[in-house]
Amino acid sequence: MKKIMSAIALAVSTAVIASTSFAAPNEAHQAHSMHRSNHQTVVKHPALSHTKPAATKKQAQHNWKVGHQYPNQYRSTNYKVDYKHNKKLTKPGHNQQWYKADGKYILVNTANHSIIKVIH
C-alpha cells in the first residue's frame, strides 16, 4: 500500500510539473493574443524573421586593378567569356583569358593569375 501511494504521488507530481512547463508558453501566447485583439493592431517583429542577414547580403564587389591577383572564386568556367561575342574585347594572347565578374570584363594571365586589363 505504501509503494502504491508513493507511486501515485510521484505520478501526480510529475504530471503537475509537466503541465506547468507546457502551460507557461501557451499562457504567454494567449496573453499576447488578448492584447492584440483588444487593440486591433498587429506588430511585426523583424527579430522573428527566419531569413539570415548574410543570405540577403549581396556579395562584396572587388576593386579590380591591373597587377592585382585574380581571386580563386572567379576562376571557374562560369565566369569565362569568349572574346568573339563582345566587340569591346580584344583577342587574348597566349596564357590569357577573359572573365566577367561584377559586371566588368577582366583579362587575366592564366599562368600567374594576375590582372592584365579591366573593361567597365
PDB file of N, CA and C in Angstrom:
ATOM      1  N   MET A   1       0.822  -1.184   0.000  1.00  0.00           N
ATOM      2  CA  MET A   1       0.000   0.000   0.000  1.00  0.00           C
ATOM      3  C   MET A   1       0.873   1.257   0.000  1.00  0.00           C
ATOM      4  N   LYS A   2       1.968   1.196   0.765  1.00  0.00           N
ATOM      5  CA  LYS A   2       2.860   2.340   0.857  1.00  0.00           C
ATOM      6  C   LYS A   2       3.538   2.585  -0.497  1.00  0.00           C
ATOM      7  N   LYS A   3       3.891   1.507  -1.196  1.00  0.00           N
ATOM      8  CA  LYS A   3       4.522   1.633  -2.509  1.00  0.00           C
ATOM      9  C   LYS A   3       3.547   2.215  -3.525  1.00  0.00           C
ATOM     10  N   ILE A   4       2.295   1.811  -3.445  1.00  0.00           N
ATOM     11  CA  ILE A   4       1.283   2.320  -4.376  1.00  0.00           C
ATOM     12  C   ILE A   4       1.077   3.814  -4.159  1.00  0.00           C
ATOM     13  N   MET A   5       0.998   4.237  -2.901  1.00  0.00           N
ATOM     14  CA  MET A   5       0.789   5.657  -2.590  1.00  0.00           C
ATOM     15  C   MET A   5       1.981   6.504  -3.049  1.00  0.00           C
ATOM     16  N   SER A   6       3.192   5.983  -2.861  1.00  0.00           N
ATOM     17  CA  SER A   6       4.374   6.739  -3.295  1.00  0.00           C
ATOM     18  C   SER A   6       4.433   6.800  -4.823  1.00  0.00           C
ATOM     19  N   ALA A   7       4.015   5.740  -5.499  1.00  0.00           N
ATOM     20  CA  ALA A   7       3.983   5.742  -6.964  1.00  0.00           C
ATOM     21  C   ALA A   7       2.952   6.741  -7.476  1.00  0.00           C
ATOM     22  N   ILE A   8       1.789   6.790  -6.829  1.00  0.00           N
ATOM     23  CA  ILE A   8       0.745   7.740  -7.223  1.00  0.00           C
ATOM     24  C   ILE A   8       1.220   9.172  -6.971  1.00  0.00           C
ATOM     25  N   ALA A   9       1.850   9.406  -5.840  1.00  0.00           N
ATOM     26  CA  ALA A   9       2.354  10.741  -5.516  1.00  0.00           C
ATOM     27  C   ALA A   9       3.408  11.177  -6.537  1.00  0.00           C
ATOM     28  N   LEU A  10       4.278  10.258  -6.925  1.00  0.00           N
ATOM     29  CA  LEU A  10       5.306  10.547  -7.919  1.00  0.00           C
ATOM     30  C   LEU A  10       4.666  10.863  -9.271  1.00  0.00           C
ATOM     31  N   ALA A  11       3.662  10.090  -9.666  1.00  0.00           N
ATOM     32  CA  ALA A  11       2.980  10.312 -10.942  1.00  0.00           C
ATOM     33  C   ALA A  11       2.266  11.657 -10.956  1.00  0.00           C
ATOM     34  N   VAL A  12       1.611  11.992  -9.859  1.00  0.00           N
ATOM     35  CA  VAL A  12       0.888  13.262  -9.775  1.00  0.00           C
ATOM     36  C   VAL A  12       1.865  14.432  -9.820  1.00  0.00           C
ATOM     37  N   SER A  13       2.964  14.340  -9.082  1.00  0.00           N
ATOM     38  CA  SER A  13       3.935  15.439  -9.074  1.00  0.00           C
ATOM     39  C   SER A  13       4.576  15.607 -10.452  1.00  0.00           C
ATOM     40  N   THR A  14       4.845  14.511 -11.137  1.00  0.00           N
ATOM     41  CA  THR A  14       5.398  14.579 -12.488  1.00  0.00           C
ATOM     42  C   THR A  14       4.402  15.229 -13.438  1.00  0.00           C
ATOM     43  N   ALA A  15       3.142  14.866 -13.323  1.00  0.00           N
ATOM     44  CA  ALA A  15       2.106  15.445 -14.178  1.00  0.00           C
ATOM     45  C   ALA A  15       1.953  16.941 -13.922  1.00  0.00           C
ATOM     46  N   VAL A  16       2.031  17.349 -12.672  1.00  0.00           N
ATOM     47  CA  VAL A  16       1.896  18.767 -12.333  1.00  0.00           C
ATOM     48  C   VAL A  16       3.071  19.565 -12.896  1.00  0.00           C
ATOM     49  N   ILE A  17       4.267  19.041 -12.745  1.00  0.00           N
ATOM     50  CA  ILE A  17       5.460  19.727 -13.259  1.00  0.00           C
ATOM     51  C   ILE A  17       5.401  19.822 -14.778  1.00  0.00           C
ATOM     52  N   ALA A  18       5.020  18.728 -15.430  1.00  0.00           N
ATOM     53  CA  ALA A  18       4.935  18.726 -16.891  1.00  0.00           C
ATOM     54  C   ALA A  18       3.865  19.690 -17.376  1.00  0.00           C
ATOM     55  N   SER A  19       2.738  19.728 -16.711  1.00  0.00           N
ATOM     56  CA  SER A  19       1.654  20.608 -17.159  1.00  0.00           C
ATOM     57  C   SER A  19       2.021  22.079 -16.980  1.00  0.00           C
ATOM     58  N   THR A  20       2.764  22.421 -15.946  1.00  0.00           N
ATOM     59  CA  THR A  20       3.154  23.821 -15.755  1.00  0.00           C
ATOM     60  C   THR A  20       4.189  24.243 -16.788  1.00  0.00           C
ATOM     61  N   SER A  21       5.078  23.335 -17.157  1.00  0.00           N
ATOM     62  CA  SER A  21       6.080  23.705 -18.151  1.00  0.00           C
ATOM     63  C   SER A  21       5.451  23.837 -19.531  1.00  0.00           C
ATOM     64  N   PHE A  22       4.432  23.040 -19.840  1.00  0.00           N
ATOM     65  CA  PHE A  22       3.748  23.173 -21.118  1.00  0.00           C
ATOM     66  C   PHE A  22       2.767  24.335 -21.108  1.00  0.00           C
ATOM     67  N   ALA A  23       2.232  24.660 -19.972  1.00  0.00           N
ATOM     68  CA  ALA A  23       1.228  25.717 -19.890  1.00  0.00           C
ATOM     69  C   ALA A  23       1.857  27.103 -19.969  1.00  0.00           C
ATOM     70  N   ALA A  24       3.067  27.256 -19.531  1.00  0.00           N
ATOM     71  CA  ALA A  24       3.691  28.579 -19.489  1.00  0.00           C
ATOM     72  C   ALA A  24       3.777  29.236 -20.869  1.00  0.00           C
ATOM     73  N   PRO A  25       4.264  28.565 -21.911  1.00  0.00           N
ATOM     74  CA  PRO A  25       4.319  29.226 -23.210  1.00  0.00           C
ATOM     75  C   PRO A  25       2.929  29.561 -23.754  1.00  0.00           C
ATOM     76  N   ASN A  26       1.956  28.706 -23.542  1.00  0.00           N
ATOM     77  CA  ASN A  26       0.611  28.970 -24.046  1.00  0.00           C
ATOM     78  C   ASN A  26      -0.019  30.162 -23.347  1.00  0.00           C
ATOM     79  N   GLU A  27       0.217  30.282 -22.066  1.00  0.00           N
ATOM     80  CA  GLU A  27      -0.361  31.406 -21.335  1.00  0.00           C
ATOM     81  C   GLU A  27       0.207  32.721 -21.848  1.00  0.00           C
ATOM     82  N   ALA A  28       1.492  32.753 -22.121  1.00  0.00           N
ATOM     83  CA  ALA A  28       2.105  33.973 -22.645  1.00  0.00           C
ATOM     84  C   ALA A  28       1.552  34.276 -24.032  1.00  0.00           C
ATOM     85  N   HIS A  29       1.379  33.236 -24.831  1.00  0.00           N
ATOM     86  CA  HIS A  29       0.838  33.420 -26.173  1.00  0.00           C
ATOM     87  C   HIS A  29      -0.601  33.919 -26.110  1.00  0.00           C
ATOM     88  N   GLN A  30      -1.389  33.365 -25.194  1.00  0.00           N
ATOM     89  CA  GLN A  30      -2.776  33.791 -25.050  1.00  0.00           C
ATOM     90  C   GLN A  30      -2.844  35.236 -24.571  1.00  0.00           C
ATOM     91  N   ALA A  31      -1.973  35.604 -23.665  1.00  0.00           N
ATOM     92  CA  ALA A  31      -1.969  36.986 -23.180  1.00  0.00           C
ATOM     93  C   ALA A  31      -1.619  37.935 -24.320  1.00  0.00           C
ATOM     94  N   HIS A  32      -0.663  37.542 -25.157  1.00  0.00           N
ATOM     95  CA  HIS A  32      -0.281  38.355 -26.308  1.00  0.00           C
ATOM     96  C   HIS A  32      -1.443  38.447 -27.294  1.00  0.00           C
ATOM     97  N   SER A  33      -2.159  37.332 -27.504  1.00  0.00           N
ATOM     98  CA  SER A  33      -3.303  37.330 -28.409  1.00  0.00           C
ATOM     99  C   SER A  33      -4.412  38.224 -27.880  1.00  0.00           C
ATOM    100  N   MET A  34      -4.658  38.163 -26.581  1.00  0.00           N
ATOM    101  CA  MET A  34      -5.693  39.003 -25.995  1.00  0.00           C
ATOM    102  C   MET A  34      -5.303  40.472 -26.123  1.00  0.00           C
ATOM    103  N   HIS A  35      -4.035  40.771 -25.910  1.00  0.00           N
ATOM    104  CA  HIS A  35      -3.549  42.146 -26.021  1.00  0.00           C
ATOM    105  C   HIS A  35      -3.747  42.649 -27.450  1.00  0.00           C
ATOM    106  N   ARG A  36      -3.460  41.809 -28.403  1.00  0.00           N
ATOM    107  CA  ARG A  36      -3.588  42.186 -29.799  1.00  0.00           C
ATOM    108  C   ARG A  36      -5.059  42.373 -30.172  1.00  0.00           C
ATOM    109  N   SER A  37      -5.937  41.494 -29.702  1.00  0.00           N
ATOM    110  CA  SER A  37      -7.346  41.593 -30.068  1.00  0.00           C
ATOM    111  C   SER A  37      -8.010  42.802 -29.417  1.00  0.00           C
ATOM    112  N   ASN A  38      -7.536  43.223 -28.262  1.00  0.00           N
ATOM    113  CA  ASN A  38      -8.116  44.394 -27.612  1.00  0.00           C
ATOM    114  C   ASN A  38      -7.799  45.673 -28.371  1.00  0.00           C
ATOM    115  N   HIS A  39      -6.622  45.771 -28.933  1.00  0.00           N
ATOM    116  CA  HIS A  39      -6.204  46.999 -29.595  1.00  0.00           C
ATOM    117  C   HIS A  39      -6.346  46.933 -31.114  1.00  0.00           C
ATOM    118  N   GLN A  40      -6.560  45.767 -31.655  1.00  0.00           N
ATOM    119  CA  GLN A  40      -6.732  45.560 -33.087  1.00  0.00           C
ATOM    120  C   GLN A  40      -5.527  46.048 -33.893  1.00  0.00           C
ATOM    121  N   THR A  41      -4.341  45.920 -33.326  1.00  0.00           N
ATOM    122  CA  THR A  41      -3.133  46.262 -34.060  1.00  0.00           C
ATOM    123  C   THR A  41      -2.229  45.047 -34.083  1.00  0.00           C
ATOM    124  N   VAL A  42      -1.572  44.865 -35.192  1.00  0.00           N
ATOM    125  CA  VAL A  42      -0.649  43.751 -35.340  1.00  0.00           C
ATOM    126  C   VAL A  42       0.736  44.339 -35.523  1.00  0.00           C
ATOM    127  N   VAL A  43       1.647  43.907 -34.696  1.00  0.00           N
ATOM    128  CA  VAL A  43       3.013  44.400 -34.758  1.00  0.00           C
ATOM    129  C   VAL A  43       3.883  43.291 -35.321  1.00  0.00           C
ATOM    130  N   LYS A  44       4.592  43.594 -36.383  1.00  0.00           N
ATOM    131  CA  LYS A  44       5.507  42.615 -36.963  1.00  0.00           C
ATOM    132  C   LYS A  44       6.867  42.814 -36.326  1.00  0.00           C
ATOM    133  N   HIS A  45       7.449  41.719 -35.898  1.00  0.00           N
ATOM    134  CA  HIS A  45       8.749  41.775 -35.238  1.00  0.00           C
ATOM    135  C   HIS A  45       9.823  41.329 -36.222  1.00  0.00           C
ATOM    136  N   PRO A  46      10.735  42.215 -36.615  1.00  0.00           N
ATOM    137  CA  PRO A  46      11.789  41.805 -37.532  1.00  0.00           C
ATOM    138  C   PRO A  46      12.738  40.788 -36.912  1.00  0.00           C
ATOM    139  N   ALA A  47      12.813  40.744 -35.601  1.00  0.00           N
ATOM    140  CA  ALA A  47      13.708  39.787 -34.949  1.00  0.00           C
ATOM    141  C   ALA A  47      13.205  38.361 -35.121  1.00  0.00           C
ATOM    142  N   LEU A  48      11.932  38.190 -35.420  1.00  0.00           N
ATOM    143  CA  LEU A  48      11.373  36.858 -35.581  1.00  0.00           C
ATOM    144  C   LEU A  48      11.506  36.347 -37.008  1.00  0.00           C
ATOM    145  N   SER A  49      12.113  37.112 -37.868  1.00  0.00           N
ATOM    146  CA  SER A  49      12.281  36.713 -39.254  1.00  0.00           C
ATOM    147  C   SER A  49      13.192  35.494 -39.327  1.00  0.00           C
ATOM    148  N   HIS A  50      12.886  34.599 -40.253  1.00  0.00           N
ATOM    149  CA  HIS A  50      13.662  33.372 -40.373  1.00  0.00           C
ATOM    150  C   HIS A  50      14.767  33.478 -41.415  1.00  0.00           C
ATOM    151  N   THR A  51      14.904  34.619 -42.076  1.00  0.00           N
ATOM    152  CA  THR A  51      15.963  34.767 -43.054  1.00  0.00           C
ATOM    153  C   THR A  51      17.230  35.249 -42.366  1.00  0.00           C
ATOM    154  N   LYS A  52      18.332  34.747 -42.827  1.00  0.00           N
ATOM    155  CA  LYS A  52      19.613  35.148 -42.262  1.00  0.00           C
ATOM    156  C   LYS A  52      20.074  36.422 -42.957  1.00  0.00           C
ATOM    157  N   PRO A  53      20.616  37.368 -42.220  1.00  0.00           N
ATOM    158  CA  PRO A  53      21.089  38.602 -42.843  1.00  0.00           C
ATOM    159  C   PRO A  53      22.187  38.347 -43.867  1.00  0.00           C
ATOM    160  N   ALA A  54      23.042  37.369 -43.619  1.00  0.00           N
ATOM    161  CA  ALA A  54      24.126  37.079 -44.541  1.00  0.00           C
ATOM    162  C   ALA A  54      23.591  36.549 -45.863  1.00  0.00           C
ATOM    163  N   ALA A  55      22.484  35.856 -45.833  1.00  0.00           N
ATOM    164  CA  ALA A  55      21.912  35.301 -47.047  1.00  0.00           C
ATOM    165  C   ALA A  55      21.330  36.384 -47.937  1.00  0.00           C
ATOM    166  N   THR A  56      20.890  37.467 -47.373  1.00  0.00           N
ATOM    167  CA  THR A  56      20.289  38.525 -48.162  1.00  0.00           C
ATOM    168  C   THR A  56      21.309  39.546 -48.633  1.00  0.00           C
ATOM    169  N   LYS A  57      22.492  39.530 -48.084  1.00  0.00           N
ATOM    170  CA  LYS A  57      23.509  40.488 -48.492  1.00  0.00           C
ATOM    171  C   LYS A  57      24.069  40.102 -49.852  1.00  0.00           C
ATOM    172  N   LYS A  58      24.361  41.113 -50.640  1.00  0.00           N
ATOM    173  CA  LYS A  58      24.985  40.896 -51.923  1.00  0.00           C
ATOM    174  C   LYS A  58      26.481  40.685 -51.693  1.00  0.00           C
ATOM    175  N   GLN A  59      27.069  39.838 -52.501  1.00  0.00           N
ATOM    176  CA  GLN A  59      28.495  39.579 -52.337  1.00  0.00           C
ATOM    177  C   GLN A  59      29.268  40.871 -52.609  1.00  0.00           C
ATOM    178  N   ALA A  60      30.258  41.128 -51.803  1.00  0.00           N
ATOM    179  CA  ALA A  60      31.042  42.354 -51.920  1.00  0.00           C
ATOM    180  C   ALA A  60      31.728  42.415 -53.280  1.00  0.00           C
ATOM    181  N   GLN A  61      31.700  43.587 -53.889  1.00  0.00           N
ATOM    182  CA  GLN A  61      32.350  43.754 -55.178  1.00  0.00           C
ATOM    183  C   GLN A  61      33.826  44.034 -54.955  1.00  0.00           C
ATOM    184  N   HIS A  62      34.628  43.496 -55.853  1.00  0.00           N
ATOM    185  CA  HIS A  62      36.070  43.659 -55.741  1.00  0.00           C
ATOM    186  C   HIS A  62      36.512  44.937 -56.438  1.00  0.00           C
ATOM    187  N   ASN A  63      37.643  45.412 -56.024  1.00  0.00           N
ATOM    188  CA  ASN A  63      38.265  46.553 -56.667  1.00  0.00           C
ATOM    189  C   ASN A  63      39.275  45.991 -57.659  1.00  0.00           C
ATOM    190  N   TRP A  64      38.822  45.791 -58.894  1.00  0.00           N
ATOM    191  CA  TRP A  64      39.663  45.161 -59.899  1.00  0.00           C
ATOM    192  C   TRP A  64      40.702  46.167 -60.394  1.00  0.00           C
ATOM    193  N   LYS A  65      41.969  45.840 -60.197  1.00  0.00           N
ATOM    194  CA  LYS A  65      43.051  46.716 -60.643  1.00  0.00           C
ATOM    195  C   LYS A  65      44.112  45.894 -61.356  1.00  0.00           C
ATOM    196  N   VAL A  66      44.718  46.520 -62.356  1.00  0.00           N
ATOM    197  CA  VAL A  66      45.781  45.876 -63.116  1.00  0.00           C
ATOM    198  C   VAL A  66      46.943  45.550 -62.186  1.00  0.00           C
ATOM    199  N   GLY A  67      47.457  44.336 -62.305  1.00  0.00           N
ATOM    200  CA  GLY A  67      48.576  43.897 -61.477  1.00  0.00           C
ATOM    201  C   GLY A  67      48.151  43.108 -60.252  1.00  0.00           C
ATOM    202  N   HIS A  68      46.900  43.262 -59.811  1.00  0.00           N
ATOM    203  CA  HIS A  68      46.412  42.500 -58.651  1.00  0.00           C
ATOM    204  C   HIS A  68      46.129  41.057 -59.050  1.00  0.00           C
ATOM    205  N   GLN A  69      46.064  40.193 -58.064  1.00  0.00           N
ATOM    206  CA  GLN A  69      45.759  38.783 -58.300  1.00  0.00           C
ATOM    207  C   GLN A  69      44.264  38.600 -58.534  1.00  0.00           C
ATOM    208  N   TYR A  70      43.926  37.761 -59.501  1.00  0.00           N
ATOM    209  CA  TYR A  70      42.528  37.428 -59.767  1.00  0.00           C
ATOM    210  C   TYR A  70      42.111  36.339 -58.776  1.00  0.00           C
ATOM    211  N   PRO A  71      41.030  36.541 -57.986  1.00  0.00           N
ATOM    212  CA  PRO A  71      40.651  35.599 -56.923  1.00  0.00           C
ATOM    213  C   PRO A  71      40.264  34.210 -57.440  1.00  0.00           C
ATOM    214  N   ASN A  72      40.544  33.197 -56.630  1.00  0.00           N
ATOM    215  CA  ASN A  72      40.224  31.807 -56.982  1.00  0.00           C
ATOM    216  C   ASN A  72      38.735  31.599 -57.230  1.00  0.00           C
ATOM    217  N   GLN A  73      37.893  32.275 -56.477  1.00  0.00           N
ATOM    218  CA  GLN A  73      36.452  32.040 -56.563  1.00  0.00           C
ATOM    219  C   GLN A  73      35.872  32.437 -57.917  1.00  0.00           C
ATOM    220  N   TYR A  74      36.591  33.234 -58.697  1.00  0.00           N
ATOM    221  CA  TYR A  74      36.113  33.661 -60.005  1.00  0.00           C
ATOM    222  C   TYR A  74      36.805  32.935 -61.157  1.00  0.00           C
ATOM    223  N   ARG A  75      37.597  31.944 -60.887  1.00  0.00           N
ATOM    224  CA  ARG A  75      38.359  31.268 -61.939  1.00  0.00           C
ATOM    225  C   ARG A  75      37.610  30.110 -62.590  1.00  0.00           C
ATOM    226  N   SER A  76      36.368  29.888 -62.227  1.00  0.00           N
ATOM    227  CA  SER A  76      35.617  28.770 -62.810  1.00  0.00           C
ATOM    228  C   SER A  76      35.165  29.114 -64.229  1.00  0.00           C
ATOM    229  N   THR A  77      34.710  28.103 -64.938  1.00  0.00           N
ATOM    230  CA  THR A  77      34.255  28.298 -66.318  1.00  0.00           C
ATOM    231  C   THR A  77      32.987  29.148 -66.392  1.00  0.00           C
ATOM    232  N   ASN A  78      32.271  29.275 -65.288  1.00  0.00           N
ATOM    233  CA  ASN A  78      31.059  30.103 -65.279  1.00  0.00           C
ATOM    234  C   ASN A  78      31.374  31.571 -65.543  1.00  0.00           C
ATOM    235  N   TYR A  79      32.568  32.010 -65.223  1.00  0.00           N
ATOM    236  CA  TYR A  79      32.948  33.411 -65.384  1.00  0.00           C
ATOM    237  C   TYR A  79      33.736  33.663 -66.672  1.00  0.00           C
ATOM    238  N   LYS A  80      34.138  32.598 -67.367  1.00  0.00           N
ATOM    239  CA  LYS A  80      34.911  32.767 -68.600  1.00  0.00           C
ATOM    240  C   LYS A  80      34.038  33.348 -69.700  1.00  0.00           C
ATOM    241  N   VAL A  81      34.658  34.202 -70.535  1.00  0.00           N
ATOM    242  CA  VAL A  81      33.949  34.865 -71.624  1.00  0.00           C
ATOM    243  C   VAL A  81      34.722  34.636 -72.919  1.00  0.00           C
ATOM    244  N   ASP A  82      33.978  34.396 -74.003  1.00  0.00           N
ATOM    245  CA  ASP A  82      34.596  34.281 -75.322  1.00  0.00           C
ATOM    246  C   ASP A  82      34.665  35.680 -75.933  1.00  0.00           C
ATOM    247  N   TYR A  83      35.842  36.103 -76.308  1.00  0.00           N
ATOM    248  CA  TYR A  83      36.035  37.470 -76.813  1.00  0.00           C
ATOM    249  C   TYR A  83      35.251  37.720 -78.103  1.00  0.00           C
ATOM    250  N   LYS A  84      34.909  36.683 -78.842  1.00  0.00           N
ATOM    251  CA  LYS A  84      34.213  36.830 -80.123  1.00  0.00           C
ATOM    252  C   LYS A  84      32.776  37.329 -79.950  1.00  0.00           C
ATOM    253  N   HIS A  85      32.207  37.159 -78.766  1.00  0.00           N
ATOM    254  CA  HIS A  85      30.818  37.544 -78.524  1.00  0.00           C
ATOM    255  C   HIS A  85      30.675  38.981 -78.027  1.00  0.00           C
ATOM    256  N   ASN A  86      31.775  39.690 -77.878  1.00  0.00           N
ATOM    257  CA  ASN A  86      31.719  41.069 -77.401  1.00  0.00           C
ATOM    258  C   ASN A  86      32.728  41.908 -78.181  1.00  0.00           C
ATOM    259  N   LYS A  87      32.253  42.986 -78.791  1.00  0.00           N
ATOM    260  CA  LYS A  87      33.119  43.823 -79.631  1.00  0.00           C
ATOM    261  C   LYS A  87      34.161  44.600 -78.834  1.00  0.00           C
ATOM    262  N   LYS A  88      33.924  44.804 -77.537  1.00  0.00           N
ATOM    263  CA  LYS A  88      34.880  45.545 -76.695  1.00  0.00           C
ATOM    264  C   LYS A  88      36.161  44.751 -76.442  1.00  0.00           C
ATOM    265  N   LEU A  89      36.049  43.438 -76.503  1.00  0.00           N
ATOM    266  CA  LEU A  89      37.160  42.586 -76.079  1.00  0.00           C
ATOM    267  C   LEU A  89      38.108  42.283 -77.234  1.00  0.00           C
ATOM    268  N   THR A  90      39.401  42.372 -76.933  1.00  0.00           N
ATOM    269  CA  THR A  90      40.422  42.023 -77.914  1.00  0.00           C
ATOM    270  C   THR A  90      40.735  40.539 -77.799  1.00  0.00           C
ATOM    271  N   LYS A  91      41.380  40.028 -78.829  1.00  0.00           N
ATOM    272  CA  LYS A  91      41.755  38.617 -78.801  1.00  0.00           C
ATOM    273  C   LYS A  91      42.827  38.423 -77.727  1.00  0.00           C
ATOM    274  N   PRO A  92      42.593  37.488 -76.797  1.00  0.00           N
ATOM    275  CA  PRO A  92      43.599  37.273 -75.745  1.00  0.00           C
ATOM    276  C   PRO A  92      44.834  36.583 -76.311  1.00  0.00           C
ATOM    277  N   GLY A  93      45.977  36.931 -75.751  1.00  0.00           N
ATOM    278  CA  GLY A  93      47.221  36.319 -76.164  1.00  0.00           C
ATOM    279  C   GLY A  93      47.413  34.950 -75.521  1.00  0.00           C
ATOM    280  N   HIS A  94      48.608  34.406 -75.712  1.00  0.00           N
ATOM    281  CA  HIS A  94      48.950  33.114 -75.115  1.00  0.00           C
ATOM    282  C   HIS A  94      48.926  33.248 -73.589  1.00  0.00           C
ATOM    283  N   ASN A  95      48.349  32.285 -72.887  1.00  0.00           N
ATOM    284  CA  ASN A  95      48.195  32.280 -71.419  1.00  0.00           C
ATOM    285  C   ASN A  95      47.347  33.455 -70.921  1.00  0.00           C
ATOM    286  N   GLN A  96      46.346  33.848 -71.693  1.00  0.00           N
ATOM    287  CA  GLN A  96      45.431  34.908 -71.271  1.00  0.00           C
ATOM    288  C   GLN A  96      43.989  34.441 -71.453  1.00  0.00           C
ATOM    289  N   GLN A  97      43.107  34.904 -70.570  1.00  0.00           N
ATOM    290  CA  GLN A  97      41.693  34.528 -70.622  1.00  0.00           C
ATOM    291  C   GLN A  97      40.842  35.702 -70.159  1.00  0.00           C
ATOM    292  N   TRP A  98      39.726  35.949 -70.861  1.00  0.00           N
ATOM    293  CA  TRP A  98      38.762  36.961 -70.440  1.00  0.00           C
ATOM    294  C   TRP A  98      37.776  36.352 -69.461  1.00  0.00           C
ATOM    295  N   TYR A  99      37.466  37.098 -68.417  1.00  0.00           N
ATOM    296  CA  TYR A  99      36.460  36.715 -67.426  1.00  0.00           C
ATOM    297  C   TYR A  99      35.503  37.887 -67.255  1.00  0.00           C
ATOM    298  N   LYS A 100      34.271  37.574 -66.833  1.00  0.00           N
ATOM    299  CA  LYS A 100      33.316  38.635 -66.490  1.00  0.00           C
ATOM    300  C   LYS A 100      32.909  38.440 -65.040  1.00  0.00           C
ATOM    301  N   ALA A 101      33.180  39.462 -64.222  1.00  0.00           N
ATOM    302  CA  ALA A 101      32.842  39.414 -62.796  1.00  0.00           C
ATOM    303  C   ALA A 101      32.427  40.809 -62.359  1.00  0.00           C
ATOM    304  N   ASP A 102      31.371  40.894 -61.575  1.00  0.00           N
ATOM    305  CA  ASP A 102      30.846  42.171 -61.070  1.00  0.00           C
ATOM    306  C   ASP A 102      30.516  43.139 -62.206  1.00  0.00           C
ATOM    307  N   GLY A 103      30.100  42.609 -63.352  1.00  0.00           N
ATOM    308  CA  GLY A 103      29.725  43.454 -64.480  1.00  0.00           C
ATOM    309  C   GLY A 103      30.903  44.029 -65.244  1.00  0.00           C
ATOM    310  N   LYS A 104      32.108  43.555 -64.974  1.00  0.00           N
ATOM    311  CA  LYS A 104      33.308  44.066 -65.637  1.00  0.00           C
ATOM    312  C   LYS A 104      34.005  42.919 -66.361  1.00  0.00           C
ATOM    313  N   TYR A 105      34.641  43.253 -67.489  1.00  0.00           N
ATOM    314  CA  TYR A 105      35.426  42.268 -68.219  1.00  0.00           C
ATOM    315  C   TYR A 105      36.871  42.389 -67.758  1.00  0.00           C
ATOM    316  N   ILE A 106      37.463  41.251 -67.425  1.00  0.00           N
ATOM    317  CA  ILE A 106      38.802  41.252 -66.842  1.00  0.00           C
ATOM    318  C   ILE A 106      39.676  40.276 -67.621  1.00  0.00           C
ATOM    319  N   LEU A 107      40.776  40.779 -68.149  1.00  0.00           N
ATOM    320  CA  LEU A 107      41.734  39.939 -68.852  1.00  0.00           C
ATOM    321  C   LEU A 107      42.781  39.479 -67.845  1.00  0.00           C
ATOM    322  N   VAL A 108      42.957  38.159 -67.756  1.00  0.00           N
ATOM    323  CA  VAL A 108      43.813  37.582 -66.723  1.00  0.00           C
ATOM    324  C   VAL A 108      44.906  36.735 -67.361  1.00  0.00           C
ATOM    325  N   ASN A 109      46.107  36.842 -66.817  1.00  0.00           N
ATOM    326  CA  ASN A 109      47.205  35.971 -67.196  1.00  0.00           C
ATOM    327  C   ASN A 109      46.966  34.634 -66.501  1.00  0.00           C
ATOM    328  N   THR A 110      46.749  33.577 -67.267  1.00  0.00           N
ATOM    329  CA  THR A 110      46.414  32.278 -66.668  1.00  0.00           C
ATOM    330  C   THR A 110      47.616  31.584 -66.039  1.00  0.00           C
ATOM    331  N   ALA A 111      48.814  32.043 -66.333  1.00  0.00           N
ATOM    332  CA  ALA A 111      49.999  31.424 -65.742  1.00  0.00           C
ATOM    333  C   ALA A 111      50.184  31.851 -64.287  1.00  0.00           C
ATOM    334  N   ASN A 112      50.011  33.150 -64.005  1.00  0.00           N
ATOM    335  CA  ASN A 112      50.216  33.628 -62.630  1.00  0.00           C
ATOM    336  C   ASN A 112      48.965  34.283 -62.033  1.00  0.00           C
ATOM    337  N   HIS A 113      47.858  34.298 -62.784  1.00  0.00           N
ATOM    338  CA  HIS A 113      46.554  34.812 -62.337  1.00  0.00           C
ATOM    339  C   HIS A 113      46.584  36.291 -61.963  1.00  0.00           C
ATOM    340  N   SER A 114      47.424  37.053 -62.642  1.00  0.00           N
ATOM    341  CA  SER A 114      47.424  38.498 -62.404  1.00  0.00           C
ATOM    342  C   SER A 114      46.512  39.171 -63.437  1.00  0.00           C
ATOM    343  N   ILE A 115      45.920  40.280 -63.039  1.00  0.00           N
ATOM    344  CA  ILE A 115      45.001  41.013 -63.904  1.00  0.00           C
ATOM    345  C   ILE A 115      45.811  41.866 -64.873  1.00  0.00           C
ATOM    346  N   ILE A 116      45.502  41.727 -66.164  1.00  0.00           N
ATOM    347  CA  ILE A 116      46.210  42.462 -67.206  1.00  0.00           C
ATOM    348  C   ILE A 116      45.435  43.705 -67.623  1.00  0.00           C
ATOM    349  N   LYS A 117      44.092  43.563 -67.747  1.00  0.00           N
ATOM    350  CA  LYS A 117      43.275  44.662 -68.244  1.00  0.00           C
ATOM    351  C   LYS A 117      41.874  44.552 -67.659  1.00  0.00           C
ATOM    352  N   VAL A 118      41.235  45.710 -67.395  1.00  0.00           N
ATOM    353  CA  VAL A 118      39.866  45.748 -66.878  1.00  0.00           C
ATOM    354  C   VAL A 118      39.053  46.675 -67.766  1.00  0.00           C
ATOM    355  N   ILE A 119      37.896  46.186 -68.242  1.00  0.00           N
ATOM    356  CA  ILE A 119      36.989  46.994 -69.060  1.00  0.00           C
ATOM    357  C   ILE A 119      35.659  47.083 -68.340  1.00  0.00           C
ATOM    358  N   HIS A 120      35.185  48.302 -68.131  1.00  0.00           N
ATOM    359  CA  HIS A 120      33.921  48.536 -67.410  1.00  0.00           C
ATOM    360  C   HIS A 120      32.745  48.433 -68.338  1.00  0.00           C
TER     361      HIS A 120
END
